[in-house]
N, C-alpha and C. Protein backbone atom coordinates (compact mmCIF):
# COMPACT_ATOMS: atom_id res chain seq x y z
N MET A 1 19.87 23.94 19.95
CA MET A 1 20.25 23.46 19.10
C MET A 1 19.72 21.75 19.48
N MET A 2 20.29 21.34 20.82
CA MET A 2 20.09 20.37 21.18
C MET A 2 18.56 20.24 21.96
N ALA A 3 18.04 21.49 22.78
CA ALA A 3 16.32 21.03 22.89
C ALA A 3 15.40 21.27 21.52
N LEU A 4 16.25 21.79 20.93
CA LEU A 4 15.03 21.64 19.72
C LEU A 4 15.31 19.83 18.95
N LEU A 5 16.62 18.66 18.67
CA LEU A 5 16.22 18.15 18.68
C LEU A 5 15.93 16.87 19.80
N ARG A 6 15.75 17.59 20.61
CA ARG A 6 14.72 16.69 21.70
C ARG A 6 13.93 16.46 21.75
N SER A 7 13.49 17.91 21.13
CA SER A 7 11.78 17.88 21.11
C SER A 7 11.56 17.04 19.70
N VAL A 8 11.99 16.99 18.55
CA VAL A 8 11.72 16.16 17.42
C VAL A 8 11.85 14.96 17.85
N LEU A 9 12.91 14.24 18.74
CA LEU A 9 12.90 12.70 18.56
C LEU A 9 11.80 12.64 19.93
N ASP A 10 11.29 13.56 21.11
CA ASP A 10 10.16 13.34 21.66
C ASP A 10 8.83 13.21 20.87
N ARG A 11 8.40 13.65 19.82
CA ARG A 11 7.31 13.62 18.61
C ARG A 11 7.73 12.48 17.84
N LEU A 12 9.37 12.32 17.80
CA LEU A 12 9.11 10.75 17.18
C LEU A 12 8.70 9.24 17.65
N THR A 13 9.23 9.65 19.34
CA THR A 13 8.49 8.40 19.70
C THR A 13 6.82 8.05 20.51
N LEU A 14 6.06 9.34 19.91
CA LEU A 14 5.21 8.96 19.74
C LEU A 14 4.21 8.30 18.78
N TYR A 15 4.52 8.45 16.86
CA TYR A 15 4.76 7.75 16.02
C TYR A 15 5.21 6.77 15.68
N LEU A 16 6.32 6.63 16.09
CA LEU A 16 7.01 5.33 15.90
C LEU A 16 6.04 4.32 16.42
N PRO A 17 5.70 3.84 17.48
CA PRO A 17 5.19 2.47 17.99
C PRO A 17 4.32 2.27 17.06
N VAL A 18 3.19 3.23 16.50
CA VAL A 18 2.43 3.30 15.64
C VAL A 18 2.76 3.37 14.51
N LEU A 19 3.68 2.68 13.93
CA LEU A 19 4.85 3.11 12.91
C LEU A 19 4.86 1.21 12.67
N LEU A 20 5.80 1.33 13.37
CA LEU A 20 6.61 -0.47 13.89
C LEU A 20 5.77 -1.75 14.31
N MET A 21 5.12 -0.87 15.47
CA MET A 21 4.89 -2.27 16.40
C MET A 21 3.10 -2.39 15.15
N ALA A 22 2.78 -1.77 14.68
CA ALA A 22 1.07 -2.02 14.29
C ALA A 22 1.59 -3.20 13.09
N ALA A 23 2.31 -3.17 12.32
CA ALA A 23 2.87 -3.60 11.39
C ALA A 23 3.52 -4.53 11.50
N LEU A 24 4.36 -4.56 12.52
CA LEU A 24 5.15 -6.02 12.57
C LEU A 24 4.07 -7.23 14.09
N ALA A 25 3.17 -6.41 14.39
CA ALA A 25 2.20 -7.44 15.32
C ALA A 25 1.20 -7.81 14.58
N MET A 26 0.77 -7.56 13.65
CA MET A 26 -0.04 -8.43 12.03
C MET A 26 0.67 -8.78 11.56
N ALA A 27 1.32 -9.09 11.41
CA ALA A 27 2.83 -10.30 10.50
C ALA A 27 2.51 -10.94 11.53
N THR A 28 3.11 -10.95 12.71
CA THR A 28 3.56 -12.05 13.48
C THR A 28 2.76 -12.78 14.25
N TYR A 29 1.12 -12.18 14.06
CA TYR A 29 -0.39 -12.52 14.50
C TYR A 29 -0.74 -13.41 13.59
N TRP A 30 -0.22 -13.08 12.43
CA TRP A 30 -0.46 -14.16 11.39
C TRP A 30 0.28 -15.11 10.60
N LEU A 31 1.49 -15.25 11.23
CA LEU A 31 2.76 -16.36 11.45
C LEU A 31 2.82 -16.98 12.39
N VAL A 32 2.25 -16.76 13.00
CA VAL A 32 2.14 -17.77 14.57
C VAL A 32 0.41 -18.62 14.19
N ARG A 33 -0.55 -17.84 13.34
CA ARG A 33 -1.56 -18.89 13.19
C ARG A 33 -1.25 -19.97 12.49
N SER A 34 -0.41 -19.26 11.46
CA SER A 34 -0.55 -20.19 9.75
C SER A 34 0.25 -21.12 10.05
N THR A 35 1.50 -20.94 11.06
CA THR A 35 2.29 -22.31 11.32
C THR A 35 2.22 -23.50 11.55
N PRO A 36 1.83 -24.03 10.69
CA PRO A 36 1.27 -25.50 11.22
C PRO A 36 1.95 -26.60 12.65
N MET A 37 1.53 -27.37 13.29
CA MET A 37 1.36 -27.94 14.30
C MET A 37 2.17 -28.99 13.67
N ALA A 38 3.92 -29.06 13.94
CA ALA A 38 5.00 -29.88 13.25
C ALA A 38 3.99 -31.79 14.19
N ALA A 39 4.35 -32.42 13.55
CA ALA A 39 4.20 -34.01 13.99
C ALA A 39 5.48 -34.23 14.84
N ALA A 40 5.00 -35.25 15.90
CA ALA A 40 6.07 -35.31 16.63
C ALA A 40 7.01 -36.25 15.77
N PRO A 41 8.15 -36.11 16.09
CA PRO A 41 9.11 -36.77 15.59
C PRO A 41 9.47 -37.83 16.04
N ALA A 42 9.77 -39.12 15.48
CA ALA A 42 10.67 -40.97 15.04
C ALA A 42 11.25 -41.10 16.34
N PRO A 43 11.38 -41.47 17.22
CA PRO A 43 12.80 -41.49 18.62
C PRO A 43 13.86 -41.62 17.76
N GLN A 44 14.64 -40.71 18.31
CA GLN A 44 16.19 -40.79 18.10
C GLN A 44 16.05 -40.07 17.04
N ALA A 45 15.48 -39.58 16.21
CA ALA A 45 15.23 -39.22 14.39
C ALA A 45 15.75 -37.47 15.08
N VAL A 46 16.85 -37.24 13.95
CA VAL A 46 17.62 -36.67 13.73
C VAL A 46 17.04 -35.33 12.80
N LEU A 47 16.41 -33.85 13.20
CA LEU A 47 16.42 -32.78 12.07
C LEU A 47 16.56 -32.04 11.99
N ARG A 48 16.88 -32.51 9.83
CA ARG A 48 17.99 -31.59 9.20
C ARG A 48 17.12 -30.17 8.96
N HIS A 49 18.11 -29.32 8.34
CA HIS A 49 17.83 -28.02 8.44
C HIS A 49 16.76 -28.08 7.15
N GLU A 50 16.13 -28.73 7.03
CA GLU A 50 15.59 -28.33 5.69
C GLU A 50 13.72 -28.50 6.16
N PRO A 51 13.24 -27.23 4.79
CA PRO A 51 11.70 -26.82 5.28
C PRO A 51 10.67 -28.32 5.56
N ASP A 52 9.96 -28.52 5.78
CA ASP A 52 8.76 -29.49 5.94
C ASP A 52 7.21 -28.69 4.58
N TYR A 53 7.46 -27.71 4.79
CA TYR A 53 6.35 -27.27 3.78
C TYR A 53 6.65 -25.76 3.12
N LEU A 54 5.90 -25.35 1.88
CA LEU A 54 6.69 -23.97 1.99
C LEU A 54 4.80 -23.43 1.09
N MET A 55 5.33 -22.08 0.76
CA MET A 55 4.24 -21.19 0.07
C MET A 55 4.48 -20.76 -1.26
N ARG A 56 4.16 -20.58 -1.92
CA ARG A 56 4.40 -19.93 -3.14
C ARG A 56 3.64 -17.96 -3.60
N GLN A 57 4.35 -17.03 -3.58
CA GLN A 57 3.75 -16.40 -4.12
C GLN A 57 1.84 -16.33 -3.60
N PHE A 58 2.48 -16.29 -2.40
CA PHE A 58 0.78 -16.26 -1.19
C PHE A 58 0.38 -14.77 -0.82
N ALA A 59 -0.96 -14.50 -0.98
CA ALA A 59 -1.05 -13.01 0.46
C ALA A 59 -2.22 -13.79 1.60
N VAL A 60 -1.94 -12.96 2.37
CA VAL A 60 -3.14 -13.13 3.50
C VAL A 60 -4.21 -12.14 4.03
N GLN A 61 -4.95 -12.45 3.88
CA GLN A 61 -5.66 -11.06 4.29
C GLN A 61 -6.60 -11.42 5.86
N THR A 62 -6.43 -10.18 7.10
CA THR A 62 -7.81 -10.27 8.23
C THR A 62 -8.41 -8.88 7.67
N PHE A 63 -9.65 -9.04 8.17
CA PHE A 63 -10.17 -8.21 8.25
C PHE A 63 -10.99 -7.92 9.32
N ASP A 64 -11.30 -6.64 9.93
CA ASP A 64 -12.20 -6.33 11.56
C ASP A 64 -13.71 -6.54 11.29
N ALA A 65 -14.41 -6.97 12.40
CA ALA A 65 -15.57 -7.06 12.56
C ALA A 65 -16.23 -6.55 11.68
N LEU A 66 -16.86 -5.51 10.84
CA LEU A 66 -16.99 -4.50 10.03
C LEU A 66 -16.52 -4.96 9.03
N GLY A 67 -15.72 -5.86 8.49
CA GLY A 67 -15.31 -6.48 7.14
C GLY A 67 -14.07 -5.98 6.61
N ARG A 68 -14.18 -4.65 7.11
CA ARG A 68 -12.91 -3.58 6.27
C ARG A 68 -11.17 -4.79 6.78
N LEU A 69 -10.63 -4.55 5.61
CA LEU A 69 -9.49 -4.70 5.91
C LEU A 69 -8.35 -3.90 6.77
N LYS A 70 -8.01 -5.05 7.49
CA LYS A 70 -6.82 -4.53 8.53
C LYS A 70 -5.68 -4.61 8.51
N SER A 71 -5.32 -5.86 7.47
CA SER A 71 -4.00 -6.17 6.73
C SER A 71 -3.95 -7.16 6.46
N GLU A 72 -2.35 -7.18 5.62
CA GLU A 72 -2.45 -8.25 4.14
C GLU A 72 -0.65 -8.46 4.11
N VAL A 73 -0.41 -9.32 4.43
CA VAL A 73 0.56 -10.19 4.50
C VAL A 73 1.10 -10.97 3.15
N SER A 74 2.70 -10.97 2.33
CA SER A 74 2.45 -11.61 1.21
C SER A 74 3.50 -11.49 1.23
N GLY A 75 4.06 -12.67 -0.07
CA GLY A 75 5.77 -13.02 -0.49
C GLY A 75 5.82 -13.49 -1.30
N ALA A 76 7.15 -13.64 -1.93
CA ALA A 76 7.11 -14.37 -2.67
C ALA A 76 7.45 -15.78 -2.52
N GLN A 77 7.47 -16.63 -1.50
CA GLN A 77 7.51 -17.78 -0.65
C GLN A 77 7.95 -17.38 0.14
N ALA A 78 7.26 -18.84 0.87
CA ALA A 78 7.50 -19.27 3.00
C ALA A 78 7.93 -20.26 2.85
N HIS A 79 8.92 -20.56 3.31
CA HIS A 79 9.25 -21.73 4.34
C HIS A 79 9.40 -21.92 5.84
N HIS A 80 8.74 -23.11 6.28
CA HIS A 80 8.38 -23.82 7.84
C HIS A 80 10.08 -24.49 7.80
N TYR A 81 10.55 -24.22 8.91
CA TYR A 81 11.80 -25.44 9.47
C TYR A 81 11.67 -25.80 10.87
N PRO A 82 11.40 -26.93 10.53
CA PRO A 82 10.85 -27.75 11.76
C PRO A 82 12.39 -28.03 13.35
N ASP A 83 13.35 -27.76 12.29
CA ASP A 83 14.78 -28.20 13.39
C ASP A 83 15.13 -26.70 14.57
N THR A 84 14.49 -25.65 13.64
CA THR A 84 14.09 -24.81 14.35
C THR A 84 13.44 -23.86 14.88
N ASP A 85 12.11 -24.52 14.39
CA ASP A 85 10.92 -23.86 14.32
C ASP A 85 11.00 -22.85 14.19
N THR A 86 11.24 -22.49 13.13
CA THR A 86 11.20 -21.32 12.34
C THR A 86 10.25 -21.22 10.80
N LEU A 87 10.08 -19.35 11.10
CA LEU A 87 8.77 -19.63 9.54
C LEU A 87 9.56 -18.50 8.34
N GLU A 88 10.15 -18.35 7.44
CA GLU A 88 11.31 -17.24 6.62
C GLU A 88 10.35 -16.87 4.99
N ILE A 89 10.35 -15.97 5.43
CA ILE A 89 9.47 -15.12 3.97
C ILE A 89 10.20 -14.86 3.46
N ASP A 90 10.15 -14.89 1.62
CA ASP A 90 11.48 -14.25 1.22
C ASP A 90 10.47 -13.31 0.01
N GLN A 91 10.69 -12.11 -0.11
CA GLN A 91 10.18 -10.63 0.00
C GLN A 91 8.84 -10.21 -0.24
N VAL A 92 9.09 -9.85 1.42
CA VAL A 92 7.85 -9.62 2.52
C VAL A 92 7.45 -8.35 2.24
N ARG A 93 6.09 -8.29 2.70
CA ARG A 93 5.55 -7.16 1.73
C ARG A 93 3.70 -6.97 3.30
N ILE A 94 4.31 -6.45 3.99
CA ILE A 94 3.31 -6.04 5.05
C ILE A 94 2.17 -5.10 5.22
N GLN A 95 0.91 -5.17 4.78
CA GLN A 95 0.27 -3.76 4.82
C GLN A 95 -0.29 -3.69 5.76
N SER A 96 -0.71 -2.83 6.99
CA SER A 96 -1.69 -2.52 7.95
C SER A 96 -2.46 -1.26 8.33
N TYR A 97 -3.72 -1.09 8.96
CA TYR A 97 -4.82 -0.24 8.43
C TYR A 97 -4.90 0.18 10.14
N ASP A 98 -4.61 1.83 10.31
CA ASP A 98 -4.81 1.54 11.63
C ASP A 98 -6.77 2.17 11.48
N ALA A 99 -7.02 2.39 12.90
CA ALA A 99 -8.38 3.09 13.27
C ALA A 99 -8.86 4.26 12.54
N ALA A 100 -7.94 4.98 11.69
CA ALA A 100 -8.21 6.05 10.97
C ALA A 100 -8.55 5.30 9.56
N GLY A 101 -7.91 4.64 9.31
CA GLY A 101 -8.09 4.14 7.72
C GLY A 101 -6.73 4.10 6.87
N SER A 102 -5.27 4.78 8.12
CA SER A 102 -4.19 4.92 7.89
C SER A 102 -3.27 3.63 6.94
N LEU A 103 -2.76 4.06 5.89
CA LEU A 103 -1.62 2.90 5.71
C LEU A 103 -0.49 2.78 6.28
N THR A 104 0.45 1.65 6.35
CA THR A 104 1.42 1.69 6.84
C THR A 104 2.01 0.23 6.32
N THR A 105 2.95 0.56 5.61
CA THR A 105 3.73 -0.37 4.75
C THR A 105 5.09 -0.87 5.33
N ALA A 106 5.64 -2.20 5.38
CA ALA A 106 6.79 -2.55 5.53
C ALA A 106 6.90 -3.56 4.87
N THR A 107 8.25 -3.33 4.12
CA THR A 107 8.72 -4.62 2.76
C THR A 107 10.38 -4.57 3.72
N ALA A 108 10.79 -6.55 3.12
CA ALA A 108 12.10 -6.36 3.09
C ALA A 108 12.36 -7.56 2.21
N ALA A 109 13.41 -7.82 1.70
CA ALA A 109 13.99 -8.72 1.21
C ALA A 109 13.54 -10.63 1.72
N ARG A 110 13.49 -10.39 3.35
CA ARG A 110 13.63 -11.27 3.76
C ARG A 110 13.08 -11.47 4.87
N ALA A 111 11.70 -11.99 5.56
CA ALA A 111 11.50 -11.30 7.26
C ALA A 111 11.47 -12.98 8.17
N LEU A 112 11.97 -13.48 9.69
CA LEU A 112 12.12 -13.91 10.43
C LEU A 112 11.45 -14.45 11.55
N THR A 113 10.79 -15.62 11.88
CA THR A 113 9.77 -15.14 13.03
C THR A 113 10.65 -16.35 14.15
N ASN A 114 10.28 -16.53 15.07
CA ASN A 114 10.57 -18.04 15.71
C ASN A 114 9.24 -17.86 16.02
N GLY A 115 9.16 -20.24 16.48
CA GLY A 115 7.92 -20.75 16.54
C GLY A 115 6.64 -19.62 16.83
N ASP A 116 6.59 -19.33 18.37
CA ASP A 116 6.11 -18.60 19.16
C ASP A 116 5.40 -17.21 18.40
N GLY A 117 6.37 -17.20 17.65
CA GLY A 117 6.04 -15.16 17.25
C GLY A 117 6.33 -13.80 17.90
N THR A 118 6.76 -14.60 19.29
CA THR A 118 7.66 -13.37 19.75
C THR A 118 9.17 -12.23 19.89
N GLU A 119 9.74 -12.82 18.32
CA GLU A 119 10.54 -12.03 17.37
C GLU A 119 10.50 -12.88 16.44
N VAL A 120 10.32 -11.03 15.70
CA VAL A 120 10.61 -11.21 14.26
C VAL A 120 11.58 -10.28 13.86
N GLN A 121 11.88 -10.75 12.81
CA GLN A 121 12.77 -10.06 11.79
C GLN A 121 12.77 -9.41 10.88
N LEU A 122 12.89 -8.34 10.06
CA LEU A 122 12.87 -7.77 8.97
C LEU A 122 14.67 -7.45 8.03
N MET A 123 14.71 -7.93 7.72
CA MET A 123 16.37 -7.85 6.56
C MET A 123 16.41 -8.30 5.51
N GLY A 124 17.60 -6.90 5.29
CA GLY A 124 17.64 -6.57 3.54
C GLY A 124 17.02 -6.05 3.48
N GLY A 125 17.24 -4.46 3.08
CA GLY A 125 16.61 -3.39 2.80
C GLY A 125 15.42 -2.64 2.97
N ALA A 126 14.85 -3.23 4.62
CA ALA A 126 13.94 -2.75 5.90
C ALA A 126 13.50 -1.28 5.38
N ARG A 127 12.42 -1.61 5.32
CA ARG A 127 11.66 -0.33 5.25
C ARG A 127 10.46 -0.58 5.89
N VAL A 128 9.97 0.53 6.47
CA VAL A 128 8.34 0.90 6.87
C VAL A 128 8.36 2.40 6.24
N VAL A 129 7.10 2.20 6.04
CA VAL A 129 6.33 3.95 6.02
C VAL A 129 5.02 3.98 6.19
N ARG A 130 4.78 4.97 6.18
CA ARG A 130 3.48 5.90 6.35
C ARG A 130 2.94 7.14 5.96
N PRO A 131 2.60 7.28 4.81
CA PRO A 131 2.39 8.13 4.41
C PRO A 131 1.85 9.50 4.77
N ALA A 132 1.69 10.62 4.93
CA ALA A 132 1.26 12.20 5.68
C ALA A 132 -0.76 11.73 5.65
N GLY A 133 -1.24 12.01 6.85
CA GLY A 133 -2.49 11.90 7.06
C GLY A 133 -3.27 11.98 8.46
N LYS A 134 -4.44 11.83 8.81
CA LYS A 134 -4.59 12.22 10.02
C LYS A 134 -5.13 10.94 10.33
N ASN A 135 -4.64 11.14 12.00
CA ASN A 135 -5.12 10.08 13.02
C ASN A 135 -6.17 9.67 12.86
N ALA A 136 -6.66 8.54 14.33
CA ALA A 136 -8.05 9.28 14.66
C ALA A 136 -8.58 9.92 15.16
N GLN A 137 -8.02 10.62 15.68
CA GLN A 137 -8.18 12.30 16.92
C GLN A 137 -8.58 13.26 15.37
N GLY A 138 -8.56 13.56 14.31
CA GLY A 138 -8.04 14.26 12.93
C GLY A 138 -6.55 14.98 13.01
N GLN A 139 -5.51 14.59 13.86
CA GLN A 139 -4.86 15.80 14.17
C GLN A 139 -3.66 15.08 12.69
N VAL A 140 -3.09 16.16 12.38
CA VAL A 140 -1.79 15.72 10.53
C VAL A 140 -1.09 15.17 11.04
N GLN A 141 -0.59 14.46 10.20
CA GLN A 141 0.73 13.71 10.85
C GLN A 141 1.29 13.69 9.48
N PRO A 142 2.72 13.95 9.25
CA PRO A 142 3.23 14.39 8.54
C PRO A 142 3.97 12.19 8.49
N ALA A 143 4.61 12.75 6.76
CA ALA A 143 4.89 11.04 6.35
C ALA A 143 5.86 11.19 7.53
N LEU A 144 6.27 9.82 7.26
CA LEU A 144 7.41 9.18 8.48
C LEU A 144 7.71 7.80 7.70
N SER A 145 8.93 7.87 7.61
CA SER A 145 9.87 6.72 6.88
C SER A 145 10.98 6.30 7.96
N PHE A 146 11.27 4.47 8.16
CA PHE A 146 12.26 4.17 8.85
C PHE A 146 13.26 2.94 7.85
N ALA A 147 13.90 3.01 8.10
CA ALA A 147 14.73 2.18 7.15
C ALA A 147 16.27 1.84 7.20
N GLY A 148 16.29 0.24 6.83
CA GLY A 148 17.68 0.05 7.69
C GLY A 148 18.07 -1.00 6.85
N ASP A 149 19.06 -1.84 7.14
CA ASP A 149 19.22 -3.19 6.52
C ASP A 149 19.15 -4.24 7.13
N ALA A 150 18.44 -4.17 8.79
CA ALA A 150 18.03 -5.08 9.70
C ALA A 150 17.33 -4.58 10.76
N LEU A 151 15.87 -5.24 11.15
CA LEU A 151 14.70 -4.41 11.77
C LEU A 151 14.37 -5.67 12.83
N GLN A 152 14.68 -6.04 14.17
CA GLN A 152 14.12 -7.15 15.25
C GLN A 152 13.63 -6.33 15.83
N ALA A 153 12.42 -7.21 15.93
CA ALA A 153 10.94 -6.80 17.21
C ALA A 153 10.56 -7.94 17.68
N PHE A 154 10.62 -7.08 19.60
CA PHE A 154 9.83 -8.53 20.01
C PHE A 154 8.53 -8.03 20.47
N THR A 155 7.99 -8.70 20.46
CA THR A 155 5.93 -8.61 21.01
C THR A 155 6.35 -8.48 22.05
N GLU A 156 6.78 -9.94 22.97
CA GLU A 156 6.11 -9.24 24.30
C GLU A 156 6.39 -8.05 25.50
N THR A 157 7.72 -8.37 24.71
CA THR A 157 8.86 -6.61 25.76
C THR A 157 8.17 -5.47 24.96
N GLU A 158 7.79 -5.77 23.34
CA GLU A 158 7.21 -4.30 23.02
C GLU A 158 9.03 -3.55 22.58
N ARG A 159 9.42 -4.09 22.11
CA ARG A 159 10.81 -3.53 21.98
C ARG A 159 11.24 -3.74 20.03
N VAL A 160 11.98 -2.69 19.58
CA VAL A 160 12.45 -2.78 17.91
C VAL A 160 13.68 -2.59 18.28
N ILE A 161 14.51 -3.55 17.66
CA ILE A 161 15.99 -2.46 17.80
C ILE A 161 16.70 -2.81 16.37
N SER A 162 17.42 -2.30 16.57
CA SER A 162 18.32 -2.52 15.34
C SER A 162 19.99 -2.57 15.25
N ASP A 163 21.19 -2.83 15.27
CA ASP A 163 22.49 -3.35 15.10
C ASP A 163 23.26 -2.63 14.22
N GLN A 164 22.33 -2.17 13.14
CA GLN A 164 23.06 -1.68 12.58
C GLN A 164 22.59 -0.32 11.67
N PRO A 165 23.12 0.74 11.11
CA PRO A 165 22.50 2.03 10.25
C PRO A 165 20.95 2.27 10.01
N VAL A 166 20.32 3.07 10.59
CA VAL A 166 18.86 3.48 9.91
C VAL A 166 19.15 4.74 9.95
N VAL A 167 17.66 5.05 9.44
CA VAL A 167 17.44 5.94 9.36
C VAL A 167 16.07 6.28 8.75
N LEU A 168 15.54 7.61 9.32
CA LEU A 168 13.98 7.99 10.52
C LEU A 168 14.28 9.41 9.22
N ILE A 169 12.71 9.32 8.77
CA ILE A 169 12.25 10.37 8.23
C ILE A 169 11.04 11.22 8.37
N ARG A 170 11.41 12.05 8.86
CA ARG A 170 9.47 12.34 9.67
C ARG A 170 9.29 14.03 9.06
N GLY A 171 8.45 14.12 7.92
CA GLY A 171 8.39 14.95 7.15
C GLY A 171 9.97 15.31 6.38
N ASN A 172 9.81 16.69 6.72
CA ASN A 172 11.30 17.33 6.67
C ASN A 172 12.82 16.95 6.68
N ASP A 173 12.40 16.51 8.24
CA ASP A 173 13.45 16.27 9.44
C ASP A 173 13.55 15.06 8.94
N ARG A 174 15.03 14.54 9.27
CA ARG A 174 15.89 13.24 8.84
C ARG A 174 16.52 12.82 9.64
N PHE A 175 16.82 12.03 10.51
CA PHE A 175 17.77 11.90 11.42
C PHE A 175 18.49 9.96 10.97
N SER A 176 19.84 9.86 11.39
CA SER A 176 20.63 8.62 11.18
C SER A 176 21.12 8.33 12.15
N ALA A 177 21.48 7.15 12.41
CA ALA A 177 22.25 6.55 14.01
C ALA A 177 22.60 5.14 13.14
N ASP A 178 24.31 4.82 14.23
CA ASP A 178 24.38 3.93 13.74
C ASP A 178 23.44 2.66 14.37
N ARG A 179 23.08 2.38 15.53
CA ARG A 179 22.16 1.24 16.42
C ARG A 179 20.64 2.26 16.61
N MET A 180 19.73 1.50 16.72
CA MET A 180 18.36 1.85 17.22
C MET A 180 18.04 0.99 18.76
N ASP A 181 17.24 1.33 19.51
CA ASP A 181 16.42 0.91 20.41
C ASP A 181 15.45 0.97 20.75
N TYR A 182 14.06 0.90 20.54
CA TYR A 182 12.96 1.26 21.18
C TYR A 182 12.53 1.03 21.69
N ASP A 183 12.05 1.49 23.06
CA ASP A 183 10.96 0.75 24.08
C ASP A 183 9.70 1.57 24.01
N HIS A 184 8.61 0.74 23.74
CA HIS A 184 7.45 0.73 23.10
C HIS A 184 6.68 0.66 25.03
N ARG A 185 7.37 0.36 25.96
CA ARG A 185 6.58 0.75 27.04
C ARG A 185 7.08 1.72 27.66
N GLN A 186 7.77 2.00 26.97
CA GLN A 186 8.56 3.38 28.10
C GLN A 186 8.16 4.92 26.89
N ARG A 187 8.34 4.53 26.18
CA ARG A 187 8.01 5.50 25.18
C ARG A 187 9.24 6.64 24.87
N VAL A 188 10.30 5.24 24.16
CA VAL A 188 11.80 5.82 24.47
C VAL A 188 12.37 5.18 23.56
N VAL A 189 12.76 6.20 22.59
CA VAL A 189 13.95 5.98 21.52
C VAL A 189 15.06 6.04 21.76
N GLN A 190 15.85 5.12 21.25
CA GLN A 190 17.77 5.55 21.91
C GLN A 190 18.50 5.18 20.91
N LEU A 191 18.39 6.22 20.18
CA LEU A 191 19.65 6.18 18.85
C LEU A 191 20.76 6.20 19.23
N ASP A 192 22.19 6.03 18.92
CA ASP A 192 23.60 5.22 19.19
C ASP A 192 24.55 5.32 17.82
N GLY A 193 25.79 5.40 18.21
CA GLY A 193 26.63 5.19 17.78
C GLY A 193 26.92 6.88 16.77
N ARG A 194 27.20 7.10 15.84
CA ARG A 194 27.46 8.53 14.99
C ARG A 194 25.58 8.74 14.29
N VAL A 195 25.11 9.79 15.42
CA VAL A 195 24.33 10.09 15.20
C VAL A 195 23.86 11.33 14.51
N LYS A 196 23.26 11.88 13.41
CA LYS A 196 23.30 12.74 12.67
C LYS A 196 21.62 13.40 12.78
N GLY A 197 21.50 14.70 12.78
CA GLY A 197 19.65 15.31 12.22
C GLY A 197 19.90 16.32 11.52
N VAL A 198 18.76 16.37 10.95
CA VAL A 198 19.18 17.68 9.65
C VAL A 198 17.76 17.98 9.83
N LEU A 199 17.25 19.63 11.17
CA LEU A 199 16.03 19.80 11.44
C LEU A 199 15.58 20.83 10.48
N MET A 200 14.35 21.01 9.52
CA MET A 200 14.10 21.82 8.78
C MET A 200 12.81 22.96 9.76
N PRO A 201 13.13 24.68 9.11
CA PRO A 201 12.41 25.02 9.57
C PRO A 201 11.19 24.56 9.70
N THR A 202 9.91 24.87 10.29
CA THR A 202 8.52 24.86 9.89
C THR A 202 7.73 26.14 9.66
N PRO A 203 7.69 25.94 8.14
CA PRO A 203 7.02 27.23 7.57
C PRO A 203 5.87 27.92 8.56
N ARG A 204 5.89 29.30 8.43
CA ARG A 204 4.81 30.15 9.09
C ARG A 204 4.04 30.47 8.27
N PRO A 205 2.40 29.91 9.23
CA PRO A 205 1.35 30.45 8.45
C PRO A 205 1.47 31.75 7.80
N THR A 206 0.28 32.02 6.80
CA THR A 206 0.50 33.17 5.58
C THR A 206 -0.08 33.98 6.89
N PRO A 207 -0.63 35.50 7.01
CA PRO A 207 -1.52 36.35 7.58
C PRO A 207 -2.51 36.44 6.65
């Protein structure tokens, strides 16, 4: 049983970076490029935690060199706070396409990024979904989803962590844990706390 569980987790590490890092990296790129440079504060000025600009019902798209849609970030509204140099998006929805044209969608009640875009947080019903399909090599990939109340990504160190309960579903297999720490560079995912897994048998091909 443990060998089988380890095998499934090993397979998850192959697809989890594509699912999470691609979508969040797209969001980070847009957030960094879209945050305007704040004017130099007056001497002795004290910045309050109040937004200096906001956007409502927005959607921003990016395209590749061939004009194909690469990503879209949308939200109900976004606020920039100059005192903390953070950008907050309400009802965020992030869609990104990989080289094979497969869609990954990330949603949350709120997203927060720091000024240089090295840290992105998805909060409140965070969910990342990639439907079943084929990758760039033509290999069949089962549907994969990740859900939790909080998801935090560090783009420089390529880590995704959560200190709250998470649920991973790959095809018919389901895993849950109290905490998660994913290291993309090492390609290792660590599930802590009360870890549970339900593995469904793989159907044998009909002769």
